[in-house]
Structure formats: C-alpha cells, structure tokens
Amino acid sequence: MTTPTNRRTLLGALLAGGVLAAAPSRPRSGHPGRAPRTAEEGARATATLFLGTYTSTTPGGSGIGVASYDPAAGTIAAGTVVTGVQNPSYLALHPTGSTLYAVDEQQQGGVTAVALADDGTFRVLGTRDTGGAGPCHLSVHPGGKWLFSANYTSGSVAVHPLAADGTPGERTDLVAHTVPAPGPGQDGPHAHQIITAPDGGHVLAVDLGNDTVYTYRLDEDRGTLEQLSYAALRPGAGPRSLTFHPGGRHAYLACEVDNTVVVCGYDPATGVLTPGTPQSTGTGSGTSYPAQLLVTGDGRFAYLANRGHNSLTRYAVEDGGATLRLLDTVPVGGDFPRHIAFSPDEALLLAANQKSGTVTVFRVDGESGALASVGTPFAAPAAVCVLPLPR
C-alpha cells in the first residue's frame, strides 16, 4: 500500500516535470539529526506546494494552485490548478495527509474537501455550507473527525463531521460571537481563526471584531462547542491570528488593527488564555496590519508577517515562551504578505504576498534564526495562503 509520505513524493514528482536540477545542498546548522543531502538527492527531491487564492479578484487565481518546490534550492515550479472551488483563501490538510480542505470565502460560505490520490490526481469530494458569510480560516481537529471553520463576515464558528475518507458531513454546530460588544470602529463580530490548543482538549477562536479570544470544549461525540471562557484584548486591538509556543503554556497574538503582538499565558487544564502587554512589531508608527506569527519547533524563534510594512519581523523567544525579544525586520520581497509557512523541516519560510501575486522564499538559519532571501519571487495571482507538504 502506498503510504501518505510516498503519495506526496509521487505527487511532487508528477508536478515537477521540467524543473531544473537543484544546486548541491549544504548542511544547515542548528537542526540536530538532519543529515545533509547529496546533490543527486537534492535534484530529485521536490515536494508539493498548495496555494490558496482569491478567484473573484482581478487579477486572481482560478482555484487552488498546485506547484512543486525544491527544499534544497528553495525554488518553486508551476504545476496545475484544482478548479471548482471559489475563493479558496485558506487551506488545511487532514492529519492523514489524504485530504485537503479549503474555505469558500463567499457571502454564502462553504468548506470544500479535495481528495489527494496516490497517482497525483485530485478529486473534489464535496462542499458544505458553513452557516455564515466570508469564512476565512479552517482547521482539522487532531483526531481527524471534525473540521472547524471561522466565518469572518458574520462572526461565527462552525463544526462539520468528517467521514473516514475525509468527506465533510452536515454541520453539527454553529456558534455566533455575540458577547462582548464589537470594538471601536467595528460593525460587528468578525471570527478570524479557530484552532485546537496543543493540549487537544480545548478549541480557541479569535474574533477581530470583538477584540476577543474564545475558549471552547468540543464534544467529540456530538460535534458541538461549549464555551468555557473568553479573553478580552484591549479595545481596538483587532486580534487576527493566535500561534502557540511548542511548550503549550504560552501563545502569541498578532493584532491587526493596533499593530501589536501580545504574549499570552495559557492554562492547559482550564483553557484560560491570559493576554499580556502589547508590544512592538518593529515596523514603526502607524498600522502595518500584522497578519500571522510562526514559531519554530524548538521554540527559540518567532516570525511575524507585516502586510502594510511588507516585512517579516524576527523575535527571539525567551523565558520558556513567556517573552518575545524583537531582533530585526527584513523586507518580504513582495506586497502584502497575507500568510507565511515553514517547510516541514523548517529550513525554509515561504510567504504568500496577496497584492503582488507572488510567493517569496527565505532560508532559515537554524542557529540564529536569521532569514535570507532565496531565488526570485514565484508568480501566483492573488496568493493568500501557502501550504508546503513533506516530500
């Protein structure tokens, strides 16, 4: 039987026709146990890259973009497109690696599942209504049986069951964010993210409009969410995206409206999130619309995408995750970095730049965390999400 890893290898190979051989790989410092590859291995070891896009803009994408990337050289080569999905602006992979999920960011929001076949082909399994407008984020529960989505425009979160083949079923819950009241300048709640905490027992939803992060408990038999608590940010913060430290006791909030990052304490036993003091994004005065943070698997560095400043901020993570120390910012090489992601080995950081319609790639120094631009920007109209798979 072909394993998910072998399937991804085959998929990458099918998409990589015509790609130039990669330059010989070099040992990367700071990543214990990662053996250097030979030039021959680097030449044939490409992997699949999925791209979320907006199909309703001009210029725009035509569906979920599929490309291949070379982990050694950091180069990207064009592949194909999964059509039949409208505004697939955010993507997530099932824990088995066999199914890809996309939001349908429209007035009548939906979530779409795409089967990733062993022969490198794709098959749309179906779309389900999220019960709200403008879904912009989704994630799969670690157990693989539930799909969560966040409806930005209507300020609600939804739950769908997943069949054994990854197909989503009818929605089992829809929770509207009605309390507290919207923040200054907001017209209502705007759910922007929903994720499972590292402890696996709590689900957290970030609402930009309400300046709030909600903690839920998932009933894994019925697929319903029970609200346990909520953490209120300062009015006008506009929290957008929450990223956990691998230690599981701290998390970091990118606040879009007031251009800050907030370090939060987290109690795995209760799911209570406690926001700390807002701190600088390193982008100067004004609003830079920070989008999202990444934290390295060893918990030593964090990176923030700044859309207005068109930069990436690097932080040193200290005190077991309790402190972010600003190190520097570097130009992202594109316009409006909406989403960033590590390659699975964390040797590369990729940025999807919405307004320039490009994906830019950076090599990550494992010892210092420094970023170095690699190659030339890859053209991807209305690129708003980047999802690199393992080989």
Protein backbone atom coordinates (compact mmCIF):
# COMPACT_ATOMS: atom_id res chain seq x y z
CA MET A 1 0.00 0.00 0.00
CA THR A 2 1.25 3.50 -0.80
CA THR A 3 1.78 5.50 2.36
CA PRO A 4 0.85 9.22 2.66
CA THR A 5 4.56 10.08 2.53
CA ASN A 6 5.08 8.05 -0.63
CA ARG A 7 1.95 9.58 -2.11
CA ARG A 8 3.29 13.08 -1.51
CA THR A 9 6.63 12.08 -3.08
CA LEU A 10 4.83 10.79 -6.16
CA LEU A 11 2.65 13.88 -6.31
CA GLY A 12 5.67 16.15 -6.11
CA ALA A 13 7.43 14.19 -8.84
CA LEU A 14 4.41 14.38 -11.15
CA LEU A 15 4.20 18.14 -10.72
CA ALA A 16 7.91 18.79 -11.10
CA GLY A 17 8.38 17.98 -14.76
CA GLY A 18 10.76 20.40 -16.39
CA VAL A 19 12.24 21.70 -13.16
CA LEU A 20 15.97 22.38 -13.33
CA ALA A 21 18.18 20.29 -11.08
CA ALA A 22 18.76 21.83 -7.68
CA ALA A 23 22.11 23.13 -6.55
CA PRO A 24 24.01 20.84 -4.18
CA SER A 25 22.57 21.08 -0.70
CA ARG A 26 24.62 22.38 2.21
CA PRO A 27 24.47 21.31 5.83
CA ARG A 28 22.17 23.57 7.86
CA SER A 29 23.30 24.45 11.34
CA GLY A 30 21.11 24.26 14.39
CA HIS A 31 18.96 21.31 13.28
CA PRO A 32 20.27 18.22 15.08
CA GLY A 33 19.64 14.95 13.33
CA ARG A 34 19.05 16.45 9.89
CA ALA A 35 21.50 14.69 7.58
CA PRO A 36 22.84 16.71 4.62
CA ARG A 37 21.55 15.53 1.24
CA THR A 38 23.77 14.80 -1.72
CA ALA A 39 23.45 16.82 -4.93
CA GLU A 40 21.83 13.83 -6.62
CA GLU A 41 19.23 13.52 -3.86
CA GLY A 42 18.56 17.26 -3.94
CA ALA A 43 17.98 17.14 -7.70
CA ARG A 44 15.13 14.67 -7.46
CA ALA A 45 13.64 15.59 -4.10
CA THR A 46 10.85 18.05 -4.86
CA ALA A 47 7.67 18.39 -2.85
CA THR A 48 4.15 19.66 -3.39
CA LEU A 49 3.04 23.20 -2.60
CA PHE A 50 -0.63 24.18 -2.41
CA LEU A 51 -1.68 27.81 -2.85
CA GLY A 52 -4.85 29.43 -1.60
CA THR A 53 -6.13 32.24 -3.83
CA TYR A 54 -8.98 34.62 -4.50
CA THR A 55 -10.83 33.71 -7.70
CA SER A 56 -13.16 36.71 -7.59
CA THR A 57 -10.47 39.40 -7.92
CA THR A 58 -8.73 40.79 -10.98
CA PRO A 59 -6.09 39.54 -11.36
CA GLY A 60 -7.00 36.43 -9.45
CA GLY A 61 -6.47 32.72 -9.25
CA SER A 62 -8.60 30.06 -10.91
CA GLY A 63 -8.78 27.70 -7.95
CA ILE A 64 -6.36 26.00 -5.57
CA GLY A 65 -2.91 26.38 -7.06
CA VAL A 66 -0.62 23.36 -7.12
CA ALA A 67 3.12 23.80 -7.56
CA SER A 68 6.31 21.98 -6.63
CA TYR A 69 9.15 23.32 -4.54
CA ASP A 70 12.74 22.25 -4.09
CA PRO A 71 13.62 22.15 -0.37
CA ALA A 72 17.33 22.31 -1.16
CA ALA A 73 17.34 25.22 -3.61
CA GLY A 74 14.21 26.97 -2.36
CA THR A 75 12.86 27.29 -5.91
CA ILE A 76 9.21 26.87 -6.93
CA ALA A 77 7.88 25.49 -10.22
CA ALA A 78 4.34 25.85 -11.57
CA GLY A 79 2.05 22.83 -11.69
CA THR A 80 -1.69 22.68 -12.12
CA VAL A 81 -4.90 24.02 -10.53
CA VAL A 82 -7.71 22.35 -8.63
CA THR A 83 -10.75 24.07 -10.11
CA GLY A 84 -14.33 24.16 -8.87
CA VAL A 85 -13.56 25.96 -5.60
CA GLN A 86 -14.49 29.64 -5.25
CA ASN A 87 -12.16 31.92 -3.29
CA PRO A 88 -10.17 29.13 -1.57
CA SER A 89 -8.39 31.68 0.60
CA TYR A 90 -7.27 29.33 3.36
CA LEU A 91 -6.15 25.69 3.22
CA ALA A 92 -5.60 22.92 5.74
CA LEU A 93 -4.51 19.30 5.48
CA HIS A 94 -6.10 16.30 7.19
CA PRO A 95 -3.74 14.63 9.72
CA THR A 96 -3.50 11.59 7.42
CA GLY A 97 -2.34 13.77 4.53
CA SER A 98 -5.02 12.28 2.27
CA THR A 99 -7.46 15.20 2.11
CA LEU A 100 -7.06 18.93 1.55
CA TYR A 101 -9.64 21.40 2.85
CA ALA A 102 -10.37 24.91 1.59
CA VAL A 103 -12.71 27.64 2.69
CA ASP A 104 -15.07 29.09 0.09
CA GLU A 105 -14.83 32.73 1.15
CA GLN A 106 -18.15 33.97 -0.21
CA GLN A 107 -21.36 35.51 1.09
CA GLN A 108 -22.76 32.00 1.39
CA GLY A 109 -19.71 30.46 2.92
CA GLY A 110 -18.61 26.90 2.49
CA VAL A 111 -15.85 24.38 3.12
CA THR A 112 -14.63 22.09 0.35
CA ALA A 113 -12.74 18.81 0.62
CA VAL A 114 -10.31 17.59 -2.05
CA ALA A 115 -9.02 14.01 -2.11
CA LEU A 116 -5.30 13.67 -2.87
CA ALA A 117 -4.94 10.44 -4.80
CA ASP A 118 -1.88 8.19 -4.84
CA ASP A 119 -1.45 8.76 -8.58
CA GLY A 120 -1.10 12.52 -8.14
CA THR A 121 -4.63 13.41 -9.24
CA PHE A 122 -7.23 15.39 -7.31
CA ARG A 123 -10.92 14.84 -6.75
CA VAL A 124 -13.31 17.31 -5.15
CA LEU A 125 -15.25 15.33 -2.55
CA GLY A 126 -17.88 17.94 -1.84
CA THR A 127 -18.73 21.28 -0.28
CA ARG A 128 -20.71 22.04 2.87
CA ASP A 129 -22.35 25.26 3.97
CA THR A 130 -20.66 26.90 6.97
CA GLY A 131 -23.85 28.67 8.01
CA GLY A 132 -22.20 32.07 7.74
CA ALA A 133 -20.60 34.58 5.42
CA GLY A 134 -17.00 35.02 4.42
CA PRO A 135 -15.24 32.04 6.04
CA CYS A 136 -11.52 32.87 6.14
CA HIS A 137 -9.96 30.10 8.25
CA LEU A 138 -10.38 26.40 8.91
CA SER A 139 -8.56 23.64 10.77
CA VAL A 140 -8.92 19.93 11.42
CA HIS A 141 -9.17 18.56 14.94
CA PRO A 142 -6.10 16.39 15.70
CA GLY A 143 -8.31 13.30 15.92
CA GLY A 144 -9.24 13.79 12.26
CA LYS A 145 -13.00 13.54 12.78
CA TRP A 146 -14.03 17.21 12.96
CA LEU A 147 -13.50 20.25 10.76
CA PHE A 148 -13.69 23.77 12.23
CA SER A 149 -14.24 26.97 10.25
CA ALA A 150 -14.43 30.68 11.10
CA ASN A 151 -16.98 32.91 9.34
CA TYR A 152 -15.37 36.34 9.26
CA THR A 153 -18.22 38.46 7.91
CA SER A 154 -20.93 37.05 10.16
CA GLY A 155 -18.76 36.46 13.24
CA SER A 156 -19.41 32.79 13.90
CA VAL A 157 -17.62 29.44 14.01
CA ALA A 158 -18.85 26.13 12.60
CA VAL A 159 -18.18 22.42 13.09
CA HIS A 160 -18.52 19.67 10.47
CA PRO A 161 -18.02 15.92 10.96
CA LEU A 162 -15.53 14.17 8.69
CA ALA A 163 -16.14 10.74 7.22
CA ALA A 164 -13.41 8.10 7.05
CA ASP A 165 -12.48 9.25 3.54
CA GLY A 166 -12.30 12.88 4.66
CA THR A 167 -15.63 14.00 3.23
CA PRO A 168 -17.34 16.66 5.39
CA GLY A 169 -20.86 15.94 6.61
CA GLU A 170 -23.71 18.24 7.56
CA ARG A 171 -22.79 20.93 10.06
CA THR A 172 -23.20 19.86 13.69
CA ASP A 173 -22.77 23.27 15.32
CA LEU A 174 -22.73 27.00 14.60
CA VAL A 175 -21.74 29.42 17.38
CA ALA A 176 -22.20 33.17 16.99
CA HIS A 177 -19.93 35.58 18.86
CA THR A 178 -22.46 37.91 20.47
CA VAL A 179 -20.67 38.85 23.72
CA PRO A 180 -18.76 41.09 24.29
CA ALA A 181 -19.81 44.01 22.10
CA PRO A 182 -17.77 44.89 19.00
CA GLY A 183 -14.68 47.02 19.45
CA PRO A 184 -14.33 50.66 18.36
CA GLY A 185 -14.80 51.15 14.64
CA GLN A 186 -16.14 47.62 14.14
CA ASP A 187 -19.55 46.84 12.66
CA GLY A 188 -19.88 43.52 14.46
CA PRO A 189 -18.01 40.34 15.38
CA HIS A 190 -15.51 39.00 12.85
CA ALA A 191 -14.27 35.48 13.58
CA HIS A 192 -10.83 35.18 12.02
CA GLN A 193 -9.37 31.89 13.24
CA ILE A 194 -10.29 28.65 15.00
CA ILE A 195 -7.67 26.14 16.18
CA THR A 196 -7.18 23.30 18.66
CA ALA A 197 -4.80 24.01 21.54
CA PRO A 198 -1.72 21.76 21.91
CA ASP A 199 -3.36 20.02 24.88
CA GLY A 200 -6.03 18.73 22.49
CA GLY A 201 -8.82 19.41 24.96
CA HIS A 202 -9.67 22.99 24.03
CA VAL A 203 -10.63 24.84 20.86
CA LEU A 204 -9.84 28.55 20.60
CA ALA A 205 -11.46 31.08 18.27
CA VAL A 206 -10.04 34.53 17.59
CA ASP A 207 -12.53 37.32 16.85
CA LEU A 208 -11.11 40.52 15.38
CA GLY A 209 -14.35 42.50 15.66
CA ASN A 210 -14.94 41.71 19.33
CA ASP A 211 -11.28 42.01 20.38
CA THR A 212 -11.72 38.59 21.97
CA VAL A 213 -10.37 35.04 22.02
CA TYR A 214 -12.96 32.40 22.98
CA THR A 215 -12.14 29.04 24.57
CA TYR A 216 -14.45 26.09 23.82
CA ARG A 217 -14.63 22.43 24.73
CA LEU A 218 -15.52 20.11 21.85
CA ASP A 219 -18.00 17.32 22.48
CA GLU A 220 -16.31 14.68 20.32
CA ASP A 221 -19.45 12.54 20.17
CA ARG A 222 -21.90 15.23 19.06
CA GLY A 223 -19.60 17.74 17.40
CA THR A 224 -20.75 20.70 19.47
CA LEU A 225 -18.81 23.50 21.14
CA GLU A 226 -19.30 24.56 24.75
CA GLN A 227 -17.89 27.97 25.63
CA LEU A 228 -15.72 27.83 28.74
CA SER A 229 -14.23 31.32 28.88
CA TYR A 230 -13.11 34.27 26.82
CA ALA A 231 -10.12 36.59 26.93
CA ALA A 232 -10.72 40.25 26.14
CA LEU A 233 -7.97 42.23 24.45
CA ARG A 234 -7.75 45.98 24.82
CA PRO A 235 -10.45 47.78 22.78
CA GLY A 236 -9.37 48.32 19.19
CA ALA A 237 -6.64 45.68 19.20
CA GLY A 238 -8.18 43.66 16.39
CA PRO A 239 -6.69 40.22 17.17
CA ARG A 240 -6.30 38.21 13.99
CA SER A 241 -4.19 35.11 14.49
CA LEU A 242 -3.07 33.04 17.51
CA THR A 243 0.05 30.84 17.47
CA PHE A 244 1.09 28.54 20.31
CA HIS A 245 4.58 28.06 21.66
CA PRO A 246 5.50 24.34 21.47
CA GLY A 247 5.66 24.23 25.28
CA GLY A 248 1.89 24.69 25.30
CA ARG A 249 1.77 27.30 28.08
CA HIS A 250 2.14 30.46 26.00
CA ALA A 251 0.63 31.77 22.80
CA TYR A 252 1.18 34.82 20.64
CA LEU A 253 -1.50 37.06 19.13
CA ALA A 254 -0.99 39.14 16.01
CA CYS A 255 -3.26 42.17 16.44
CA GLU A 256 -4.14 43.63 13.07
CA VAL A 257 -5.71 46.96 14.00
CA ASP A 258 -3.37 48.38 16.64
CA ASN A 259 -0.18 46.95 15.07
CA THR A 260 0.97 44.94 18.08
CA VAL A 261 1.87 41.45 19.21
CA VAL A 262 0.57 40.14 22.53
CA VAL A 263 2.20 37.33 24.53
CA CYS A 264 -0.48 35.33 26.33
CA GLY A 265 -0.26 32.85 29.15
CA TYR A 266 -2.26 29.66 28.65
CA ASP A 267 -3.52 27.14 31.19
CA PRO A 268 -3.88 23.70 29.54
CA ALA A 269 -6.04 22.44 32.42
CA THR A 270 -8.75 25.07 32.01
CA GLY A 271 -8.14 26.53 28.57
CA VAL A 272 -7.94 30.04 30.03
CA LEU A 273 -5.89 32.47 27.95
CA THR A 274 -4.39 35.49 29.74
CA PRO A 275 -3.18 38.31 27.44
CA GLY A 276 -0.09 40.28 28.45
CA THR A 277 1.14 43.73 27.49
CA PRO A 278 1.04 44.66 23.78
CA GLN A 279 4.46 45.03 22.21
CA SER A 280 6.08 46.32 19.05
CA THR A 281 6.08 44.66 15.67
CA GLY A 282 9.25 46.54 14.75
CA THR A 283 7.54 48.34 11.88
CA GLY A 284 7.43 51.84 13.31
CA SER A 285 4.40 54.04 13.80
CA GLY A 286 1.11 53.58 12.03
CA THR A 287 -0.87 50.47 11.22
CA SER A 288 1.02 47.73 9.44
CA TYR A 289 -1.71 45.09 9.57
CA PRO A 290 0.31 42.26 11.12
CA ALA A 291 -1.11 39.02 9.79
CA GLN A 292 0.33 35.94 11.42
CA LEU A 293 3.10 34.52 13.58
CA LEU A 294 5.16 31.35 13.17
CA VAL A 295 7.15 29.72 15.98
CA THR A 296 9.98 27.26 15.36
CA GLY A 297 9.54 23.72 16.58
CA ASP A 298 12.34 24.15 19.12
CA GLY A 299 10.58 27.23 20.50
CA ARG A 300 13.58 29.56 20.03
CA PHE A 301 12.36 31.98 17.35
CA ALA A 302 9.13 33.57 16.14
CA TYR A 303 8.36 35.35 12.88
CA LEU A 304 5.62 37.85 12.09
CA ALA A 305 4.26 38.82 8.66
CA ASN A 306 3.57 42.56 8.37
CA ARG A 307 1.31 43.32 5.41
CA GLY A 308 1.45 47.12 5.42
CA HIS A 309 5.20 47.25 6.07
CA ASN A 310 5.87 44.37 3.64
CA SER A 311 8.29 42.79 6.06
CA LEU A 312 8.97 39.84 8.33
CA THR A 313 9.81 40.51 11.97
CA ARG A 314 12.12 38.10 13.79
CA TYR A 315 11.83 37.58 17.55
CA ALA A 316 13.92 35.58 19.99
CA VAL A 317 11.66 33.53 22.24
CA GLU A 318 12.88 33.59 25.84
CA ASP A 319 11.85 32.58 29.36
CA GLY A 320 10.29 29.32 28.22
CA GLY A 321 7.98 31.13 25.81
CA ALA A 322 6.94 33.97 28.14
CA THR A 323 8.97 36.65 26.36
CA LEU A 324 9.42 37.80 22.76
CA ARG A 325 12.55 39.89 22.16
CA LEU A 326 12.50 41.81 18.89
CA LEU A 327 15.60 41.12 16.80
CA ASP A 328 15.02 42.67 13.37
CA THR A 329 12.75 43.05 10.36
CA VAL A 330 13.59 42.09 6.78
CA PRO A 331 11.80 43.01 3.53
CA VAL A 332 9.46 40.26 2.39
CA GLY A 333 10.20 40.88 -1.29
CA GLY A 334 6.52 41.24 -2.19
CA ASP A 335 3.41 43.27 -1.45
CA PHE A 336 1.03 42.43 1.42
CA PRO A 337 2.28 39.13 2.94
CA ARG A 338 -1.05 37.58 3.91
CA HIS A 339 0.24 34.18 5.07
CA ILE A 340 3.57 32.54 5.92
CA ALA A 341 4.53 28.92 6.46
CA PHE A 342 7.60 26.81 7.18
CA SER A 343 8.65 23.93 5.01
CA PRO A 344 8.20 20.74 7.05
CA ASP A 345 11.88 20.69 8.06
CA GLU A 346 11.73 24.43 8.92
CA ALA A 347 14.72 25.12 6.67
CA LEU A 348 12.57 27.43 4.51
CA LEU A 349 9.98 30.09 5.23
CA LEU A 350 7.52 30.86 2.44
CA ALA A 351 5.36 34.00 2.18
CA ALA A 352 2.18 34.41 0.12
CA ASN A 353 2.03 38.06 -1.00
CA GLN A 354 -1.52 38.94 -1.94
CA LYS A 355 -1.19 42.26 -3.78
CA SER A 356 1.95 41.44 -5.75
CA GLY A 357 0.63 37.95 -6.56
CA THR A 358 3.85 36.24 -5.57
CA VAL A 359 5.34 33.69 -3.22
CA THR A 360 8.76 34.56 -1.80
CA VAL A 361 11.11 32.10 -0.12
CA PHE A 362 13.63 32.55 2.69
CA ARG A 363 16.25 30.22 4.06
CA VAL A 364 16.10 29.98 7.87
CA ASP A 365 19.40 29.78 9.74
CA GLY A 366 18.83 27.12 12.37
CA GLU A 367 21.30 28.64 14.81
CA SER A 368 20.50 32.36 14.67
CA GLY A 369 17.03 32.25 13.16
CA ALA A 370 18.15 34.79 10.54
CA LEU A 371 16.27 34.90 7.23
CA ALA A 372 17.99 35.05 3.82
CA SER A 373 16.01 35.54 0.62
CA VAL A 374 16.27 32.67 -1.86
CA GLY A 375 15.76 32.90 -5.60
CA THR A 376 13.20 35.08 -7.38
CA PRO A 377 9.52 35.57 -6.44
CA PHE A 378 7.18 32.93 -7.84
CA ALA A 379 4.17 34.34 -9.71
CA ALA A 380 0.86 33.28 -8.13
CA PRO A 381 -2.07 35.67 -8.74
CA ALA A 382 -3.89 36.69 -5.54
CA ALA A 383 -1.82 34.27 -3.44
CA VAL A 384 -3.17 34.42 0.12
CA CYS A 385 -2.19 31.05 1.62
CA VAL A 386 0.80 28.78 1.15
CA LEU A 387 0.86 25.14 2.27
CA PRO A 388 4.10 23.19 1.63
CA LEU A 389 3.89 19.42 2.03
CA PRO A 390 6.66 17.00 3.01
CA ARG A 391 8.37 15.10 0.23
